């Protein structure tokens, strides 16, 4: 299979970078929401511990 011309290959490279960037952005958003949920749960547990006086 012959290599693609630079003007044609550039579109595919840009598309690949766009897909990769989108996937990284989705991953960061998911991790951020998980961290926020864990922080809320830890704060709630801390409140419960402080109420019990342990």
PDB file of N, CA and C in Angstrom:
ATOM      1  N   UNK A   1       0.852  -1.181   0.000  1.00  0.00           N
ATOM      2  CA  UNK A   1       0.000   0.000   0.000  1.00  0.00           C
ATOM      3  C   UNK A   1       0.893   1.238   0.000  1.00  0.00           C
ATOM      4  N   UNK A   2       0.709   2.135  -0.967  1.00  0.00           N
ATOM      5  CA  UNK A   2       1.561   3.329  -1.040  1.00  0.00           C
ATOM      6  C   UNK A   2       1.202   4.319   0.069  1.00  0.00           C
ATOM      7  N   UNK A   3       2.191   5.095   0.502  1.00  0.00           N
ATOM      8  CA  UNK A   3       1.916   6.080   1.552  1.00  0.00           C
ATOM      9  C   UNK A   3       0.980   7.180   1.037  1.00  0.00           C
ATOM     10  N   UNK A   4       0.236   7.780   1.948  1.00  0.00           N
ATOM     11  CA  UNK A   4      -0.683   8.855   1.578  1.00  0.00           C
ATOM     12  C   UNK A   4       0.090  10.147   1.337  1.00  0.00           C
ATOM     13  N   UNK A   5      -0.441  10.978   0.482  1.00  0.00           N
ATOM     14  CA  UNK A   5       0.150  12.290   0.257  1.00  0.00           C
ATOM     15  C   UNK A   5      -0.018  13.129   1.525  1.00  0.00           C
ATOM     16  N   UNK A   6       0.854  14.096   1.730  1.00  0.00           N
ATOM     17  CA  UNK A   6       0.826  14.893   2.954  1.00  0.00           C
ATOM     18  C   UNK A   6      -0.486  15.641   3.134  1.00  0.00           C
ATOM     19  N   UNK A   7      -1.079  16.136   2.069  1.00  0.00           N
ATOM     20  CA  UNK A   7      -2.330  16.874   2.213  1.00  0.00           C
ATOM     21  C   UNK A   7      -3.481  15.958   2.625  1.00  0.00           C
ATOM     22  N   UNK A   8      -3.450  14.712   2.207  1.00  0.00           N
ATOM     23  CA  UNK A   8      -4.484  13.754   2.601  1.00  0.00           C
ATOM     24  C   UNK A   8      -4.210  13.195   3.993  1.00  0.00           C
ATOM     25  N   UNK A   9      -2.960  12.886   4.279  1.00  0.00           N
ATOM     26  CA  UNK A   9      -2.604  12.310   5.571  1.00  0.00           C
ATOM     27  C   UNK A   9      -2.829  13.303   6.702  1.00  0.00           C
ATOM     28  N   UNK A  10      -2.658  14.580   6.434  1.00  0.00           N
ATOM     29  CA  UNK A  10      -2.839  15.599   7.461  1.00  0.00           C
ATOM     30  C   UNK A  10      -4.240  15.591   8.047  1.00  0.00           C
ATOM     31  N   UNK A  11      -5.226  15.334   7.226  1.00  0.00           N
ATOM     32  CA  UNK A  11      -6.611  15.280   7.698  1.00  0.00           C
ATOM     33  C   UNK A  11      -6.794  14.107   8.660  1.00  0.00           C
ATOM     34  N   UNK A  12      -6.193  12.969   8.325  1.00  0.00           N
ATOM     35  CA  UNK A  12      -6.314  11.796   9.194  1.00  0.00           C
ATOM     36  C   UNK A  12      -5.573  12.008  10.516  1.00  0.00           C
ATOM     37  N   UNK A  13      -4.427  12.633  10.451  1.00  0.00           N
ATOM     38  CA  UNK A  13      -3.655  12.912  11.674  1.00  0.00           C
ATOM     39  C   UNK A  13      -4.430  13.880  12.561  1.00  0.00           C
ATOM     40  N   UNK A  14      -4.994  14.917  11.980  1.00  0.00           N
ATOM     41  CA  UNK A  14      -5.790  15.876  12.754  1.00  0.00           C
ATOM     42  C   UNK A  14      -7.008  15.185  13.365  1.00  0.00           C
ATOM     43  N   UNK A  15      -7.643  14.326  12.621  1.00  0.00           N
ATOM     44  CA  UNK A  15      -8.790  13.574  13.135  1.00  0.00           C
ATOM     45  C   UNK A  15      -8.392  12.660  14.280  1.00  0.00           C
ATOM     46  N   UNK A  16      -7.246  12.003  14.149  1.00  0.00           N
ATOM     47  CA  UNK A  16      -6.769  11.118  15.213  1.00  0.00           C
ATOM     48  C   UNK A  16      -6.467  11.915  16.480  1.00  0.00           C
ATOM     49  N   UNK A  17      -5.835  13.069  16.339  1.00  0.00           N
ATOM     50  CA  UNK A  17      -5.561  13.916  17.504  1.00  0.00           C
ATOM     51  C   UNK A  17      -6.863  14.396  18.143  1.00  0.00           C
ATOM     52  N   UNK A  18      -7.837  14.727  17.345  1.00  0.00           N
ATOM     53  CA  UNK A  18      -9.124  15.185  17.857  1.00  0.00           C
ATOM     54  C   UNK A  18      -9.819  14.079  18.655  1.00  0.00           C
ATOM     55  N   UNK A  19      -9.810  12.866  18.120  1.00  0.00           N
ATOM     56  CA  UNK A  19     -10.411  11.735  18.827  1.00  0.00           C
ATOM     57  C   UNK A  19      -9.661  11.470  20.127  1.00  0.00           C
ATOM     58  N   UNK A  20      -8.339  11.486  20.078  1.00  0.00           N
ATOM     59  CA  UNK A  20      -7.528  11.244  21.277  1.00  0.00           C
ATOM     60  C   UNK A  20      -7.799  12.319  22.334  1.00  0.00           C
ATOM     61  N   UNK A  21      -7.834  13.574  21.935  1.00  0.00           N
ATOM     62  CA  UNK A  21      -8.088  14.671  22.861  1.00  0.00           C
ATOM     63  C   UNK A  21      -9.478  14.536  23.482  1.00  0.00           C
ATOM     64  N   UNK A  22     -10.461  14.156  22.689  1.00  0.00           N
ATOM     65  CA  UNK A  22     -11.820  13.969  23.198  1.00  0.00           C
ATOM     66  C   UNK A  22     -11.859  12.848  24.228  1.00  0.00           C
ATOM     67  N   UNK A  23     -11.178  11.745  23.953  1.00  0.00           N
ATOM     68  CA  UNK A  23     -11.141  10.636  24.903  1.00  0.00           C
ATOM     69  C   UNK A  23     -10.449  11.035  26.205  1.00  0.00           C
ATOM     70  N   UNK A  24      -9.363  11.783  26.111  1.00  0.00           N
ATOM     71  CA  UNK A  24      -8.670  12.250  27.317  1.00  0.00           C
ATOM     72  C   UNK A  24      -9.579  13.188  28.100  1.00  0.00           C
ATOM     73  N   UNK A  25     -10.284  14.059  27.431  1.00  0.00           N
ATOM     74  CA  UNK A  25     -11.205  14.987  28.097  1.00  0.00           C
ATOM     75  C   UNK A  25     -12.323  14.234  28.813  1.00  0.00           C
ATOM     76  N   UNK A  26     -12.876  13.222  28.183  1.00  0.00           N
ATOM     77  CA  UNK A  26     -13.915  12.403  28.810  1.00  0.00           C
ATOM     78  C   UNK A  26     -13.350  11.685  30.031  1.00  0.00           C
ATOM     79  N   UNK A  27     -12.148  11.138  29.913  1.00  0.00           N
ATOM     80  CA  UNK A  27     -11.503  10.444  31.029  1.00  0.00           C
ATOM     81  C   UNK A  27     -11.300  11.387  32.216  1.00  0.00           C
ATOM     82  N   UNK A  28     -10.811  12.584  31.955  1.00  0.00           N
ATOM     83  CA  UNK A  28     -10.580  13.559  33.027  1.00  0.00           C
ATOM     84  C   UNK A  28     -11.904  13.951  33.684  1.00  0.00           C
ATOM     85  N   UNK A  29     -12.954  14.113  32.906  1.00  0.00           N
ATOM     86  CA  UNK A  29     -14.262  14.462  33.467  1.00  0.00           C
ATOM     87  C   UNK A  29     -14.789  13.345  34.362  1.00  0.00           C
ATOM     88  N   UNK A  30     -14.639  12.103  33.934  1.00  0.00           N
ATOM     89  CA  UNK A  30     -15.089  10.971  34.743  1.00  0.00           C
ATOM     90  C   UNK A  30     -14.289  10.890  36.035  1.00  0.00           C
ATOM     91  N   UNK A  31     -12.986  11.036  35.949  1.00  0.00           N
ATOM     92  CA  UNK A  31     -12.143  10.984  37.148  1.00  0.00           C
ATOM     93  C   UNK A  31     -12.469  12.143  38.093  1.00  0.00           C
ATOM     94  N   UNK A  32     -12.737  13.307  37.553  1.00  0.00           N
ATOM     95  CA  UNK A  32     -13.101  14.453  38.379  1.00  0.00           C
ATOM     96  C   UNK A  32     -14.399  14.225  39.129  1.00  0.00           C
ATOM     97  N   UNK A  33     -15.378  13.639  38.464  1.00  0.00           N
ATOM     98  CA  UNK A  33     -16.650  13.375  39.145  1.00  0.00           C
ATOM     99  C   UNK A  33     -16.478  12.306  40.216  1.00  0.00           C
ATOM    100  N   UNK A  34     -15.644  11.303  39.965  1.00  0.00           N
ATOM    101  CA  UNK A  34     -15.393  10.277  40.978  1.00  0.00           C
ATOM    102  C   UNK A  34     -14.674  10.866  42.187  1.00  0.00           C
ATOM    103  N   UNK A  35     -13.714  11.722  41.959  1.00  0.00           N
ATOM    104  CA  UNK A  35     -12.980  12.347  43.063  1.00  0.00           C
ATOM    105  C   UNK A  35     -13.914  13.236  43.879  1.00  0.00           C
ATOM    106  N   UNK A  36     -14.790  13.973  43.212  1.00  0.00           N
ATOM    107  CA  UNK A  36     -15.743  14.827  43.928  1.00  0.00           C
ATOM    108  C   UNK A  36     -16.672  13.984  44.795  1.00  0.00           C
ATOM    109  N   UNK A  37     -17.130  12.854  44.269  1.00  0.00           N
ATOM    110  CA  UNK A  37     -18.012  11.969  45.041  1.00  0.00           C
ATOM    111  C   UNK A  37     -17.279  11.409  46.251  1.00  0.00           C
ATOM    112  N   UNK A  38     -16.038  10.996  46.067  1.00  0.00           N
ATOM    113  CA  UNK A  38     -15.252  10.454  47.176  1.00  0.00           C
ATOM    114  C   UNK A  38     -15.010  11.526  48.233  1.00  0.00           C
ATOM    115  N   UNK A  39     -14.732  12.755  47.809  1.00  0.00           N
ATOM    116  CA  UNK A  39     -14.536  13.844  48.766  1.00  0.00           C
ATOM    117  C   UNK A  39     -15.797  14.092  49.591  1.00  0.00           C
ATOM    118  N   UNK A  40     -16.965  14.045  48.957  1.00  0.00           N
ATOM    119  CA  UNK A  40     -18.227  14.215  49.692  1.00  0.00           C
ATOM    120  C   UNK A  40     -18.415  13.090  50.702  1.00  0.00           C
ATOM    121  N   UNK A  41     -18.121  11.861  50.299  1.00  0.00           N
ATOM    122  CA  UNK A  41     -18.279  10.724  51.204  1.00  0.00           C
ATOM    123  C   UNK A  41     -17.312  10.816  52.381  1.00  0.00           C
ATOM    124  N   UNK A  42     -16.085  11.239  52.133  1.00  0.00           N
ATOM    125  CA  UNK A  42     -15.114  11.384  53.216  1.00  0.00           C
ATOM    126  C   UNK A  42     -15.555  12.478  54.178  1.00  0.00           C
ATOM    127  N   UNK A  43     -16.074  13.578  53.669  1.00  0.00           N
ATOM    128  CA  UNK A  43     -16.564  14.659  54.529  1.00  0.00           C
ATOM    129  C   UNK A  43     -17.733  14.173  55.379  1.00  0.00           C
ATOM    130  N   UNK A  44     -18.612  13.392  54.781  1.00  0.00           N
ATOM    131  CA  UNK A  44     -19.749  12.848  55.529  1.00  0.00           C
ATOM    132  C   UNK A  44     -19.265  11.894  56.624  1.00  0.00           C
ATOM    133  N   UNK A  45     -18.313  11.045  56.321  1.00  0.00           N
ATOM    134  CA  UNK A  45     -17.759  10.138  57.327  1.00  0.00           C
ATOM    135  C   UNK A  45     -17.069  10.910  58.448  1.00  0.00           C
ATOM    136  N   UNK A  46     -16.372  11.973  58.094  1.00  0.00           N
ATOM    137  CA  UNK A  46     -15.704  12.802  59.106  1.00  0.00           C
ATOM    138  C   UNK A  46     -16.730  13.438  60.048  1.00  0.00           C
ATOM    139  N   UNK A  47     -17.841  13.909  59.482  1.00  0.00           N
ATOM    140  CA  UNK A  47     -18.901  14.462  60.322  1.00  0.00           C
ATOM    141  C   UNK A  47     -19.466  13.420  61.281  1.00  0.00           C
ATOM    142  N   UNK A  48     -19.667  12.201  60.791  1.00  0.00           N
ATOM    143  CA  UNK A  48     -20.192  11.132  61.630  1.00  0.00           C
ATOM    144  C   UNK A  48     -19.222  10.799  62.768  1.00  0.00           C
ATOM    145  N   UNK A  49     -17.935  10.769  62.461  1.00  0.00           N
ATOM    146  CA  UNK A  49     -16.932  10.481  63.479  1.00  0.00           C
ATOM    147  C   UNK A  49     -16.901  11.591  64.525  1.00  0.00           C
ATOM    148  N   UNK A  50     -16.996  12.842  64.068  1.00  0.00           N
ATOM    149  CA  UNK A  50     -16.982  13.960  65.011  1.00  0.00           C
ATOM    150  C   UNK A  50     -18.228  13.973  65.893  1.00  0.00           C
ATOM    151  N   UNK A  51     -19.374  13.550  65.341  1.00  0.00           N
ATOM    152  CA  UNK A  51     -20.595  13.467  66.145  1.00  0.00           C
ATOM    153  C   UNK A  51     -20.477  12.418  67.236  1.00  0.00           C
ATOM    154  N   UNK A  52     -19.842  11.293  66.912  1.00  0.00           N
ATOM    155  CA  UNK A  52     -19.678  10.208  67.884  1.00  0.00           C
ATOM    156  C   UNK A  52     -18.622  10.528  68.921  1.00  0.00           C
ATOM    157  N   UNK A  53     -17.755  11.489  68.615  1.00  0.00           N
ATOM    158  CA  UNK A  53     -16.699  11.864  69.551  1.00  0.00           C
ATOM    159  C   UNK A  53     -15.574  10.853  69.636  1.00  0.00           C
ATOM    160  N   UNK A  54     -15.335  10.154  68.550  1.00  0.00           N
ATOM    161  CA  UNK A  54     -14.265   9.146  68.535  1.00  0.00           C
ATOM    162  C   UNK A  54     -12.915   9.735  68.220  1.00  0.00           C
TER     163      UNK A  54
END
